[in-house]
Amino acid sequence: MSPRRRAGNPLRRKILAWGVLLFVATTLGRALVGERGLVAVWRHRGEAATIERDIERLRQENDRLRGEILSLRDDPRAVEPIAREDLGYARPGEILILFPHSSPPPTAPR
């Protein structure tokens, strides 16, 4: 075989090398910043952590409200302050004095 045949065509080798380099660069770029790349994974992990904190906060709020519901159903002492303040109820023998809601005095036109 001739030396030229063994060494291959230099232009062909350059094109092949550039092709491989371009393929590797494209693949690496997509792995880092593509829609399923490393940057997207980090962003989604942050979003997931925020959602998990929100879920935990809402679970605690649900537990608190569930306890409040049970006490309002079963404990007359829990219902009494609400009936007195919001509905204006009074115990037998009590005198209830209601004051009208006052609006701020009108201001004089300038």
PDB file of N, CA and C in Angstrom:
ATOM      1  N   MET A   1       0.832  -1.172   0.000  1.00  0.00           N
ATOM      2  CA  MET A   1       0.000   0.000   0.000  1.00  0.00           C
ATOM      3  C   MET A   1       0.880   1.240   0.000  1.00  0.00           C
ATOM      4  N   SER A   2       0.356   2.241  -0.586  1.00  0.00           N
ATOM      5  CA  SER A   2       1.134   3.467  -0.656  1.00  0.00           C
ATOM      6  C   SER A   2       1.012   4.226   0.662  1.00  0.00           C
ATOM      7  N   PRO A   3       2.012   5.078   0.983  1.00  0.00           N
ATOM      8  CA  PRO A   3       1.965   5.843   2.234  1.00  0.00           C
ATOM      9  C   PRO A   3       0.743   6.757   2.288  1.00  0.00           C
ATOM     10  N   ARG A   4       0.351   7.226   1.152  1.00  0.00           N
ATOM     11  CA  ARG A   4      -0.807   8.115   1.138  1.00  0.00           C
ATOM     12  C   ARG A   4      -2.079   7.344   1.525  1.00  0.00           C
ATOM     13  N   ARG A   5      -2.188   6.133   1.133  1.00  0.00           N
ATOM     14  CA  ARG A   5      -3.341   5.287   1.407  1.00  0.00           C
ATOM     15  C   ARG A   5      -3.407   4.965   2.896  1.00  0.00           C
ATOM     16  N   ARG A   6      -2.245   4.677   3.550  1.00  0.00           N
ATOM     17  CA  ARG A   6      -2.191   4.335   4.968  1.00  0.00           C
ATOM     18  C   ARG A   6      -2.527   5.535   5.839  1.00  0.00           C
ATOM     19  N   ALA A   7      -2.055   6.687   5.512  1.00  0.00           N
ATOM     20  CA  ALA A   7      -2.262   7.878   6.320  1.00  0.00           C
ATOM     21  C   ALA A   7      -3.681   8.402   6.160  1.00  0.00           C
ATOM     22  N   GLY A   8      -4.336   8.073   5.094  1.00  0.00           N
ATOM     23  CA  GLY A   8      -5.681   8.579   4.851  1.00  0.00           C
ATOM     24  C   GLY A   8      -5.618   9.978   4.296  1.00  0.00           C
ATOM     25  N   ASN A   9      -6.700  10.446   3.839  1.00  0.00           N
ATOM     26  CA  ASN A   9      -6.788  11.768   3.267  1.00  0.00           C
ATOM     27  C   ASN A   9      -6.817  12.789   4.410  1.00  0.00           C
ATOM     28  N   PRO A  10      -5.871  13.767   4.460  1.00  0.00           N
ATOM     29  CA  PRO A  10      -5.833  14.733   5.564  1.00  0.00           C
ATOM     30  C   PRO A  10      -7.112  15.580   5.632  1.00  0.00           C
ATOM     31  N   LEU A  11      -7.678  15.925   4.530  1.00  0.00           N
ATOM     32  CA  LEU A  11      -8.912  16.709   4.519  1.00  0.00           C
ATOM     33  C   LEU A  11     -10.061  15.900   5.125  1.00  0.00           C
ATOM     34  N   ARG A  12     -10.084  14.637   4.754  1.00  0.00           N
ATOM     35  CA  ARG A  12     -11.114  13.747   5.286  1.00  0.00           C
ATOM     36  C   ARG A  12     -10.972  13.599   6.800  1.00  0.00           C
ATOM     37  N   ARG A  13      -9.754  13.505   7.302  1.00  0.00           N
ATOM     38  CA  ARG A  13      -9.510  13.387   8.752  1.00  0.00           C
ATOM     39  C   ARG A  13      -9.945  14.660   9.477  1.00  0.00           C
ATOM     40  N   LYS A  14      -9.668  15.831   8.880  1.00  0.00           N
ATOM     41  CA  LYS A  14     -10.060  17.096   9.490  1.00  0.00           C
ATOM     42  C   LYS A  14     -11.582  17.212   9.567  1.00  0.00           C
ATOM     43  N   ILE A  15     -12.231  16.851   8.484  1.00  0.00           N
ATOM     44  CA  ILE A  15     -13.694  16.912   8.463  1.00  0.00           C
ATOM     45  C   ILE A  15     -14.273  15.971   9.515  1.00  0.00           C
ATOM     46  N   LEU A  16     -13.720  14.777   9.613  1.00  0.00           N
ATOM     47  CA  LEU A  16     -14.179  13.810  10.605  1.00  0.00           C
ATOM     48  C   LEU A  16     -13.936  14.324  12.015  1.00  0.00           C
ATOM     49  N   ALA A  17     -12.766  14.895  12.276  1.00  0.00           N
ATOM     50  CA  ALA A  17     -12.443  15.426  13.601  1.00  0.00           C
ATOM     51  C   ALA A  17     -13.394  16.568  13.968  1.00  0.00           C
ATOM     52  N   TRP A  18     -13.641  17.481  13.015  1.00  0.00           N
ATOM     53  CA  TRP A  18     -14.552  18.589  13.278  1.00  0.00           C
ATOM     54  C   TRP A  18     -15.985  18.085  13.490  1.00  0.00           C
ATOM     55  N   GLY A  19     -16.355  17.064  12.760  1.00  0.00           N
ATOM     56  CA  GLY A  19     -17.688  16.477  12.929  1.00  0.00           C
ATOM     57  C   GLY A  19     -17.866  15.871  14.312  1.00  0.00           C
ATOM     58  N   VAL A  20     -16.848  15.125  14.746  1.00  0.00           N
ATOM     59  CA  VAL A  20     -16.902  14.526  16.086  1.00  0.00           C
ATOM     60  C   VAL A  20     -16.923  15.624  17.149  1.00  0.00           C
ATOM     61  N   LEU A  21     -16.093  16.647  16.989  1.00  0.00           N
ATOM     62  CA  LEU A  21     -16.043  17.754  17.941  1.00  0.00           C
ATOM     63  C   LEU A  21     -17.394  18.477  17.996  1.00  0.00           C
ATOM     64  N   LEU A  22     -18.002  18.708  16.854  1.00  0.00           N
ATOM     65  CA  LEU A  22     -19.302  19.360  16.812  1.00  0.00           C
ATOM     66  C   LEU A  22     -20.368  18.507  17.492  1.00  0.00           C
ATOM     67  N   PHE A  23     -20.344  17.207  17.257  1.00  0.00           N
ATOM     68  CA  PHE A  23     -21.302  16.296  17.890  1.00  0.00           C
ATOM     69  C   PHE A  23     -21.148  16.311  19.408  1.00  0.00           C
ATOM     70  N   VAL A  24     -19.902  16.233  19.883  1.00  0.00           N
ATOM     71  CA  VAL A  24     -19.647  16.235  21.326  1.00  0.00           C
ATOM     72  C   VAL A  24     -20.079  17.557  21.950  1.00  0.00           C
ATOM     73  N   ALA A  25     -19.758  18.677  21.298  1.00  0.00           N
ATOM     74  CA  ALA A  25     -20.130  19.995  21.823  1.00  0.00           C
ATOM     75  C   ALA A  25     -21.647  20.146  21.881  1.00  0.00           C
ATOM     76  N   THR A  26     -22.340  19.706  20.846  1.00  0.00           N
ATOM     77  CA  THR A  26     -23.799  19.791  20.824  1.00  0.00           C
ATOM     78  C   THR A  26     -24.410  18.932  21.915  1.00  0.00           C
ATOM     79  N   THR A  27     -23.921  17.727  22.044  1.00  0.00           N
ATOM     80  CA  THR A  27     -24.443  16.824  23.067  1.00  0.00           C
ATOM     81  C   THR A  27     -24.192  17.376  24.467  1.00  0.00           C
ATOM     82  N   LEU A  28     -23.004  17.890  24.701  1.00  0.00           N
ATOM     83  CA  LEU A  28     -22.674  18.468  26.004  1.00  0.00           C
ATOM     84  C   LEU A  28     -23.528  19.708  26.275  1.00  0.00           C
ATOM     85  N   GLY A  29     -23.714  20.540  25.278  1.00  0.00           N
ATOM     86  CA  GLY A  29     -24.549  21.732  25.437  1.00  0.00           C
ATOM     87  C   GLY A  29     -25.979  21.380  25.793  1.00  0.00           C
ATOM     88  N   ARG A  30     -26.541  20.400  25.107  1.00  0.00           N
ATOM     89  CA  ARG A  30     -27.913  19.978  25.418  1.00  0.00           C
ATOM     90  C   ARG A  30     -28.006  19.352  26.795  1.00  0.00           C
ATOM     91  N   ALA A  31     -26.951  18.639  27.209  1.00  0.00           N
ATOM     92  CA  ALA A  31     -26.961  18.022  28.536  1.00  0.00           C
ATOM     93  C   ALA A  31     -26.929  19.085  29.637  1.00  0.00           C
ATOM     94  N   LEU A  32     -26.339  20.222  29.350  1.00  0.00           N
ATOM     95  CA  LEU A  32     -26.257  21.282  30.358  1.00  0.00           C
ATOM     96  C   LEU A  32     -27.469  22.206  30.332  1.00  0.00           C
ATOM     97  N   VAL A  33     -27.832  22.706  29.156  1.00  0.00           N
ATOM     98  CA  VAL A  33     -28.863  23.737  29.096  1.00  0.00           C
ATOM     99  C   VAL A  33     -30.098  23.344  28.298  1.00  0.00           C
ATOM    100  N   GLY A  34     -30.231  22.132  27.884  1.00  0.00           N
ATOM    101  CA  GLY A  34     -31.414  21.704  27.150  1.00  0.00           C
ATOM    102  C   GLY A  34     -32.629  21.666  28.063  1.00  0.00           C
ATOM    103  N   GLU A  35     -33.786  21.347  27.496  1.00  0.00           N
ATOM    104  CA  GLU A  35     -35.011  21.347  28.292  1.00  0.00           C
ATOM    105  C   GLU A  35     -34.993  20.266  29.375  1.00  0.00           C
ATOM    106  N   ARG A  36     -34.160  19.274  29.220  1.00  0.00           N
ATOM    107  CA  ARG A  36     -33.982  18.253  30.270  1.00  0.00           C
ATOM    108  C   ARG A  36     -32.549  18.246  30.781  1.00  0.00           C
ATOM    109  N   GLY A  37     -31.877  19.354  30.628  1.00  0.00           N
ATOM    110  CA  GLY A  37     -30.471  19.453  31.005  1.00  0.00           C
ATOM    111  C   GLY A  37     -30.276  19.694  32.488  1.00  0.00           C
ATOM    112  N   LEU A  38     -29.025  19.824  32.861  1.00  0.00           N
ATOM    113  CA  LEU A  38     -28.639  19.985  34.258  1.00  0.00           C
ATOM    114  C   LEU A  38     -29.228  21.252  34.864  1.00  0.00           C
ATOM    115  N   VAL A  39     -29.232  22.336  34.133  1.00  0.00           N
ATOM    116  CA  VAL A  39     -29.788  23.594  34.641  1.00  0.00           C
ATOM    117  C   VAL A  39     -31.285  23.438  34.914  1.00  0.00           C
ATOM    118  N   ALA A  40     -32.000  22.777  34.023  1.00  0.00           N
ATOM    119  CA  ALA A  40     -33.433  22.552  34.219  1.00  0.00           C
ATOM    120  C   ALA A  40     -33.688  21.659  35.429  1.00  0.00           C
ATOM    121  N   VAL A  41     -32.852  20.669  35.621  1.00  0.00           N
ATOM    122  CA  VAL A  41     -33.002  19.783  36.778  1.00  0.00           C
ATOM    123  C   VAL A  41     -32.824  20.577  38.067  1.00  0.00           C
ATOM    124  N   TRP A  42     -31.834  21.439  38.134  1.00  0.00           N
ATOM    125  CA  TRP A  42     -31.622  22.261  39.337  1.00  0.00           C
ATOM    126  C   TRP A  42     -32.825  23.171  39.585  1.00  0.00           C
ATOM    127  N   ARG A  43     -33.343  23.779  38.518  1.00  0.00           N
ATOM    128  CA  ARG A  43     -34.499  24.662  38.662  1.00  0.00           C
ATOM    129  C   ARG A  43     -35.710  23.874  39.169  1.00  0.00           C
ATOM    130  N   HIS A  44     -35.938  22.690  38.623  1.00  0.00           N
ATOM    131  CA  HIS A  44     -37.078  21.879  39.047  1.00  0.00           C
ATOM    132  C   HIS A  44     -36.924  21.394  40.484  1.00  0.00           C
ATOM    133  N   ARG A  45     -35.709  21.125  40.900  1.00  0.00           N
ATOM    134  CA  ARG A  45     -35.495  20.728  42.295  1.00  0.00           C
ATOM    135  C   ARG A  45     -35.860  21.865  43.242  1.00  0.00           C
ATOM    136  N   GLY A  46     -35.489  23.088  42.876  1.00  0.00           N
ATOM    137  CA  GLY A  46     -35.851  24.245  43.690  1.00  0.00           C
ATOM    138  C   GLY A  46     -37.359  24.435  43.760  1.00  0.00           C
ATOM    139  N   GLU A  47     -38.019  24.283  42.622  1.00  0.00           N
ATOM    140  CA  GLU A  47     -39.477  24.394  42.592  1.00  0.00           C
ATOM    141  C   GLU A  47     -40.121  23.298  43.434  1.00  0.00           C
ATOM    142  N   ALA A  48     -39.585  22.094  43.371  1.00  0.00           N
ATOM    143  CA  ALA A  48     -40.129  20.981  44.148  1.00  0.00           C
ATOM    144  C   ALA A  48     -39.975  21.243  45.640  1.00  0.00           C
ATOM    145  N   ALA A  49     -38.845  21.797  46.044  1.00  0.00           N
ATOM    146  CA  ALA A  49     -38.634  22.110  47.467  1.00  0.00           C
ATOM    147  C   ALA A  49     -39.630  23.164  47.926  1.00  0.00           C
ATOM    148  N   THR A  50     -39.886  24.166  47.106  1.00  0.00           N
ATOM    149  CA  THR A  50     -40.871  25.201  47.452  1.00  0.00           C
ATOM    150  C   THR A  50     -42.261  24.598  47.580  1.00  0.00           C
ATOM    151  N   ILE A  51     -42.616  23.726  46.669  1.00  0.00           N
ATOM    152  CA  ILE A  51     -43.929  23.086  46.711  1.00  0.00           C
ATOM    153  C   ILE A  51     -44.048  22.200  47.952  1.00  0.00           C
ATOM    154  N   GLU A  52     -42.988  21.493  48.304  1.00  0.00           N
ATOM    155  CA  GLU A  52     -43.026  20.642  49.500  1.00  0.00           C
ATOM    156  C   GLU A  52     -43.224  21.486  50.756  1.00  0.00           C
ATOM    157  N   ARG A  53     -42.569  22.660  50.832  1.00  0.00           N
ATOM    158  CA  ARG A  53     -42.778  23.552  51.986  1.00  0.00           C
ATOM    159  C   ARG A  53     -44.217  24.048  52.035  1.00  0.00           C
ATOM    160  N   ASP A  54     -44.772  24.380  50.869  1.00  0.00           N
ATOM    161  CA  ASP A  54     -46.161  24.826  50.820  1.00  0.00           C
ATOM    162  C   ASP A  54     -47.110  23.715  51.263  1.00  0.00           C
ATOM    163  N   ILE A  55     -46.845  22.502  50.835  1.00  0.00           N
ATOM    164  CA  ILE A  55     -47.687  21.363  51.216  1.00  0.00           C
ATOM    165  C   ILE A  55     -47.643  21.168  52.726  1.00  0.00           C
ATOM    166  N   GLU A  56     -46.462  21.240  53.321  1.00  0.00           N
ATOM    167  CA  GLU A  56     -46.340  21.061  54.764  1.00  0.00           C
ATOM    168  C   GLU A  56     -47.077  22.166  55.513  1.00  0.00           C
ATOM    169  N   ARG A  57     -46.949  23.409  55.040  1.00  0.00           N
ATOM    170  CA  ARG A  57     -47.646  24.530  55.682  1.00  0.00           C
ATOM    171  C   ARG A  57     -49.158  24.333  55.596  1.00  0.00           C
ATOM    172  N   LEU A  58     -49.647  23.876  54.439  1.00  0.00           N
ATOM    173  CA  LEU A  58     -51.079  23.647  54.271  1.00  0.00           C
ATOM    174  C   LEU A  58     -51.567  22.475  55.112  1.00  0.00           C
ATOM    175  N   ARG A  59     -50.741  21.455  55.273  1.00  0.00           N
ATOM    176  CA  ARG A  59     -51.124  20.334  56.147  1.00  0.00           C
ATOM    177  C   ARG A  59     -51.287  20.808  57.584  1.00  0.00           C
ATOM    178  N   GLN A  60     -50.353  21.636  58.039  1.00  0.00           N
ATOM    179  CA  GLN A  60     -50.462  22.168  59.404  1.00  0.00           C
ATOM    180  C   GLN A  60     -51.704  23.035  59.558  1.00  0.00           C
ATOM    181  N   GLU A  61     -51.991  23.854  58.561  1.00  0.00           N
ATOM    182  CA  GLU A  61     -53.199  24.688  58.591  1.00  0.00           C
ATOM    183  C   GLU A  61     -54.447  23.821  58.606  1.00  0.00           C
ATOM    184  N   ASN A  62     -54.464  22.741  57.813  1.00  0.00           N
ATOM    185  CA  ASN A  62     -55.606  21.820  57.802  1.00  0.00           C
ATOM    186  C   ASN A  62     -55.791  21.161  59.168  1.00  0.00           C
ATOM    187  N   ASP A  63     -54.689  20.748  59.793  1.00  0.00           N
ATOM    188  CA  ASP A  63     -54.780  20.140  61.126  1.00  0.00           C
ATOM    189  C   ASP A  63     -55.355  21.130  62.135  1.00  0.00           C
ATOM    190  N   ARG A  64     -54.905  22.384  62.063  1.00  0.00           N
ATOM    191  CA  ARG A  64     -55.403  23.403  62.992  1.00  0.00           C
ATOM    192  C   ARG A  64     -56.898  23.631  62.766  1.00  0.00           C
ATOM    193  N   LEU A  65     -57.310  23.743  61.515  1.00  0.00           N
ATOM    194  CA  LEU A  65     -58.717  23.962  61.211  1.00  0.00           C
ATOM    195  C   LEU A  65     -59.573  22.753  61.584  1.00  0.00           C
ATOM    196  N   ARG A  66     -59.033  21.565  61.384  1.00  0.00           N
ATOM    197  CA  ARG A  66     -59.754  20.344  61.768  1.00  0.00           C
ATOM    198  C   ARG A  66     -59.996  20.334  63.274  1.00  0.00           C
ATOM    199  N   GLY A  67     -58.984  20.721  64.048  1.00  0.00           N
ATOM    200  CA  GLY A  67     -59.141  20.808  65.501  1.00  0.00           C
ATOM    201  C   GLY A  67     -60.165  21.859  65.886  1.00  0.00           C
ATOM    202  N   GLU A  68     -60.155  22.990  65.204  1.00  0.00           N
ATOM    203  CA  GLU A  68     -61.123  24.050  65.489  1.00  0.00           C
ATOM    204  C   GLU A  68     -62.545  23.584  65.177  1.00  0.00           C
ATOM    205  N   ILE A  69     -62.709  22.863  64.078  1.00  0.00           N
ATOM    206  CA  ILE A  69     -64.032  22.335  63.719  1.00  0.00           C
ATOM    207  C   ILE A  69     -64.530  21.379  64.790  1.00  0.00           C
ATOM    208  N   LEU A  70     -63.661  20.476  65.250  1.00  0.00           N
ATOM    209  CA  LEU A  70     -64.061  19.513  66.279  1.00  0.00           C
ATOM    210  C   LEU A  70     -64.455  20.222  67.565  1.00  0.00           C
ATOM    211  N   SER A  71     -63.697  21.239  67.950  1.00  0.00           N
ATOM    212  CA  SER A  71     -64.036  21.940  69.190  1.00  0.00           C
ATOM    213  C   SER A  71     -65.343  22.720  69.034  1.00  0.00           C
ATOM    214  N   LEU A  72     -65.611  23.291  67.867  1.00  0.00           N
ATOM    215  CA  LEU A  72     -66.872  24.006  67.668  1.00  0.00           C
ATOM    216  C   LEU A  72     -68.060  23.050  67.645  1.00  0.00           C
ATOM    217  N   ARG A  73     -67.851  21.833  67.195  1.00  0.00           N
ATOM    218  CA  ARG A  73     -68.934  20.843  67.190  1.00  0.00           C
ATOM    219  C   ARG A  73     -69.230  20.328  68.599  1.00  0.00           C
ATOM    220  N   ASP A  74     -68.186  20.091  69.372  1.00  0.00           N
ATOM    221  CA  ASP A  74     -68.331  19.355  70.626  1.00  0.00           C
ATOM    222  C   ASP A  74     -68.286  20.217  71.883  1.00  0.00           C
ATOM    223  N   ASP A  75     -67.729  21.403  71.843  1.00  0.00           N
ATOM    224  CA  ASP A  75     -67.502  22.182  73.054  1.00  0.00           C
ATOM    225  C   ASP A  75     -68.323  23.471  73.021  1.00  0.00           C
ATOM    226  N   PRO A  76     -69.369  23.560  73.853  1.00  0.00           N
ATOM    227  CA  PRO A  76     -70.183  24.782  73.865  1.00  0.00           C
ATOM    228  C   PRO A  76     -69.379  26.019  74.283  1.00  0.00           C
ATOM    229  N   ARG A  77     -68.321  25.828  75.071  1.00  0.00           N
ATOM    230  CA  ARG A  77     -67.497  26.975  75.484  1.00  0.00           C
ATOM    231  C   ARG A  77     -66.734  27.570  74.302  1.00  0.00           C
ATOM    232  N   ALA A  78     -66.506  26.790  73.260  1.00  0.00           N
ATOM    233  CA  ALA A  78     -65.835  27.310  72.069  1.00  0.00           C
ATOM    234  C   ALA A  78     -66.816  28.086  71.193  1.00  0.00           C
ATOM    235  N   VAL A  79     -68.093  27.720  71.252  1.00  0.00           N
ATOM    236  CA  VAL A  79     -69.099  28.375  70.428  1.00  0.00           C
ATOM    237  C   VAL A  79     -69.559  29.689  71.058  1.00  0.00           C
ATOM    238  N   GLU A  80     -69.578  29.740  72.391  1.00  0.00           N
ATOM    239  CA  GLU A  80     -70.128  30.907  73.089  1.00  0.00           C
ATOM    240  C   GLU A  80     -69.479  32.236  72.693  1.00  0.00           C
ATOM    241  N   PRO A  81     -68.149  32.367  72.669  1.00  0.00           N
ATOM    242  CA  PRO A  81     -67.574  33.673  72.288  1.00  0.00           C
ATOM    243  C   PRO A  81     -67.972  34.112  70.880  1.00  0.00           C
ATOM    244  N   ILE A  82     -68.091  33.152  69.977  1.00  0.00           N
ATOM    245  CA  ILE A  82     -68.482  33.495  68.606  1.00  0.00           C
ATOM    246  C   ILE A  82     -69.939  33.959  68.579  1.00  0.00           C
ATOM    247  N   ALA A  83     -70.810  33.252  69.320  1.00  0.00           N
ATOM    248  CA  ALA A  83     -72.218  33.640  69.357  1.00  0.00           C
ATOM    249  C   ALA A  83     -72.381  35.013  69.995  1.00  0.00           C
ATOM    250  N   ARG A  84     -71.603  35.305  71.017  1.00  0.00           N
ATOM    251  CA  ARG A  84     -71.707  36.602  71.688  1.00  0.00           C
ATOM    252  C   ARG A  84     -71.190  37.735  70.797  1.00  0.00           C
ATOM    253  N   GLU A  85     -70.032  37.549  70.221  1.00  0.00           N
ATOM    254  CA  GLU A  85     -69.399  38.637  69.468  1.00  0.00           C
ATOM    255  C   GLU A  85     -70.021  38.826  68.089  1.00  0.00           C
ATOM    256  N   ASP A  86     -70.199  37.754  67.367  1.00  0.00           N
ATOM    257  CA  ASP A  86     -70.657  37.881  65.979  1.00  0.00           C
ATOM    258  C   ASP A  86     -72.180  37.982  65.861  1.00  0.00           C
ATOM    259  N   LEU A  87     -72.890  37.270  66.724  1.00  0.00           N
ATOM    260  CA  LEU A  87     -74.346  37.220  66.586  1.00  0.00           C
ATOM    261  C   LEU A  87     -75.074  38.079  67.610  1.00  0.00           C
ATOM    262  N   GLY A  88     -74.364  38.607  68.601  1.00  0.00           N
ATOM    263  CA  GLY A  88     -74.983  39.471  69.602  1.00  0.00           C
ATOM    264  C   GLY A  88     -75.834  38.731  70.618  1.00  0.00           C
ATOM    265  N   TYR A  89     -75.552  37.450  70.844  1.00  0.00           N
ATOM    266  CA  TYR A  89     -76.313  36.687  71.828  1.00  0.00           C
ATOM    267  C   TYR A  89     -75.898  37.082  73.238  1.00  0.00           C
ATOM    268  N   ALA A  90     -76.822  36.874  74.178  1.00  0.00           N
ATOM    269  CA  ALA A  90     -76.540  37.161  75.585  1.00  0.00           C
ATOM    270  C   ALA A  90     -77.131  36.031  76.433  1.00  0.00           C
ATOM    271  N   ARG A  91     -76.617  35.869  77.619  1.00  0.00           N
ATOM    272  CA  ARG A  91     -77.149  34.877  78.549  1.00  0.00           C
ATOM    273  C   ARG A  91     -78.446  35.431  79.151  1.00  0.00           C
ATOM    274  N   PRO A  92     -79.251  34.527  79.647  1.00  0.00           N
ATOM    275  CA  PRO A  92     -80.478  35.002  80.307  1.00  0.00           C
ATOM    276  C   PRO A  92     -80.096  35.910  81.493  1.00  0.00           C
ATOM    277  N   GLY A  93     -80.779  37.034  81.588  1.00  0.00           N
ATOM    278  CA  GLY A  93     -80.526  37.973  82.679  1.00  0.00           C
ATOM    279  C   GLY A  93     -79.483  39.032  82.339  1.00  0.00           C
ATOM    280  N   GLU A  94     -78.757  38.870  81.251  1.00  0.00           N
ATOM    281  CA  GLU A  94     -77.767  39.879  80.853  1.00  0.00           C
ATOM    282  C   GLU A  94     -78.454  40.974  80.043  1.00  0.00           C
ATOM    283  N   ILE A  95     -77.922  42.146  80.156  1.00  0.00           N
ATOM    284  CA  ILE A  95     -78.424  43.258  79.349  1.00  0.00           C
ATOM    285  C   ILE A  95     -77.402  43.516  78.259  1.00  0.00           C
ATOM    286  N   LEU A  96     -77.863  43.549  77.043  1.00  0.00           N
ATOM    287  CA  LEU A  96     -76.992  43.733  75.887  1.00  0.00           C
ATOM    288  C   LEU A  96     -77.159  45.152  75.371  1.00  0.00           C
ATOM    289  N   ILE A  97     -76.080  45.885  75.303  1.00  0.00           N
ATOM    290  CA  ILE A  97     -76.092  47.246  74.781  1.00  0.00           C
ATOM    291  C   ILE A  97     -75.342  47.235  73.465  1.00  0.00           C
ATOM    292  N   LEU A  98     -76.027  47.587  72.403  1.00  0.00           N
ATOM    293  CA  LEU A  98     -75.431  47.599  71.067  1.00  0.00           C
ATOM    294  C   LEU A  98     -75.184  49.039  70.650  1.00  0.00           C
ATOM    295  N   PHE A  99     -73.998  49.299  70.170  1.00  0.00           N
ATOM    296  CA  PHE A  99     -73.651  50.620  69.674  1.00  0.00           C
ATOM    297  C   PHE A  99     -73.619  50.563  68.149  1.00  0.00           C
ATOM    298  N   PRO A 100     -74.189  51.573  67.511  1.00  0.00           N
ATOM    299  CA  PRO A 100     -74.134  51.550  66.042  1.00  0.00           C
ATOM    300  C   PRO A 100     -72.704  51.743  65.571  1.00  0.00           C
ATOM    301  N   HIS A 101     -72.419  51.168  64.429  1.00  0.00           N
ATOM    302  CA  HIS A 101     -71.094  51.357  63.836  1.00  0.00           C
ATOM    303  C   HIS A 101     -70.988  52.808  63.413  1.00  0.00           C
ATOM    304  N   SER A 102     -69.971  53.466  63.884  1.00  0.00           N
ATOM    305  CA  SER A 102     -69.832  54.871  63.515  1.00  0.00           C
ATOM    306  C   SER A 102     -68.914  54.978  62.314  1.00  0.00           C
ATOM    307  N   SER A 103     -69.318  55.840  61.408  1.00  0.00           N
ATOM    308  CA  SER A 103     -68.463  56.091  60.260  1.00  0.00           C
ATOM    309  C   SER A 103     -67.655  57.339  60.549  1.00  0.00           C
ATOM    310  N   PRO A 104     -66.529  57.514  59.948  1.00  0.00           N
ATOM    311  CA  PRO A 104     -65.726  58.692  60.212  1.00  0.00           C
ATOM    312  C   PRO A 104     -66.486  59.956  59.797  1.00  0.00           C
ATOM    313  N   PRO A 105     -66.310  61.048  60.537  1.00  0.00           N
ATOM    314  CA  PRO A 105     -67.040  62.274  60.190  1.00  0.00           C
ATOM    315  C   PRO A 105     -66.643  62.756  58.803  1.00  0.00           C
ATOM    316  N   PRO A 106     -67.588  63.302  58.071  1.00  0.00           N
ATOM    317  CA  PRO A 106     -67.255  63.782  56.728  1.00  0.00           C
ATOM    318  C   PRO A 106     -66.282  64.951  56.797  1.00  0.00           C
ATOM    319  N   THR A 107     -65.433  64.995  55.855  1.00  0.00           N
ATOM    320  CA  THR A 107     -64.473  66.093  55.810  1.00  0.00           C
ATOM    321  C   THR A 107     -65.059  67.233  55.002  1.00  0.00           C
ATOM    322  N   ALA A 108     -64.675  68.425  55.388  1.00  0.00           N
ATOM    323  CA  ALA A 108     -65.187  69.621  54.705  1.00  0.00           C
ATOM    324  C   ALA A 108     -64.540  69.725  53.343  1.00  0.00           C
ATOM    325  N   PRO A 109     -65.317  70.094  52.332  1.00  0.00           N
ATOM    326  CA  PRO A 109     -64.724  70.248  50.993  1.00  0.00           C
ATOM    327  C   PRO A 109     -63.750  71.408  50.964  1.00  0.00           C
ATOM    328  N   ARG A 110     -62.757  71.298  50.202  1.00  0.00           N
ATOM    329  CA  ARG A 110     -61.730  72.345  50.107  1.00  0.00           C
ATOM    330  C   ARG A 110     -61.872  73.150  48.870  1.00  0.00           C
TER     331      ARG A 110
END
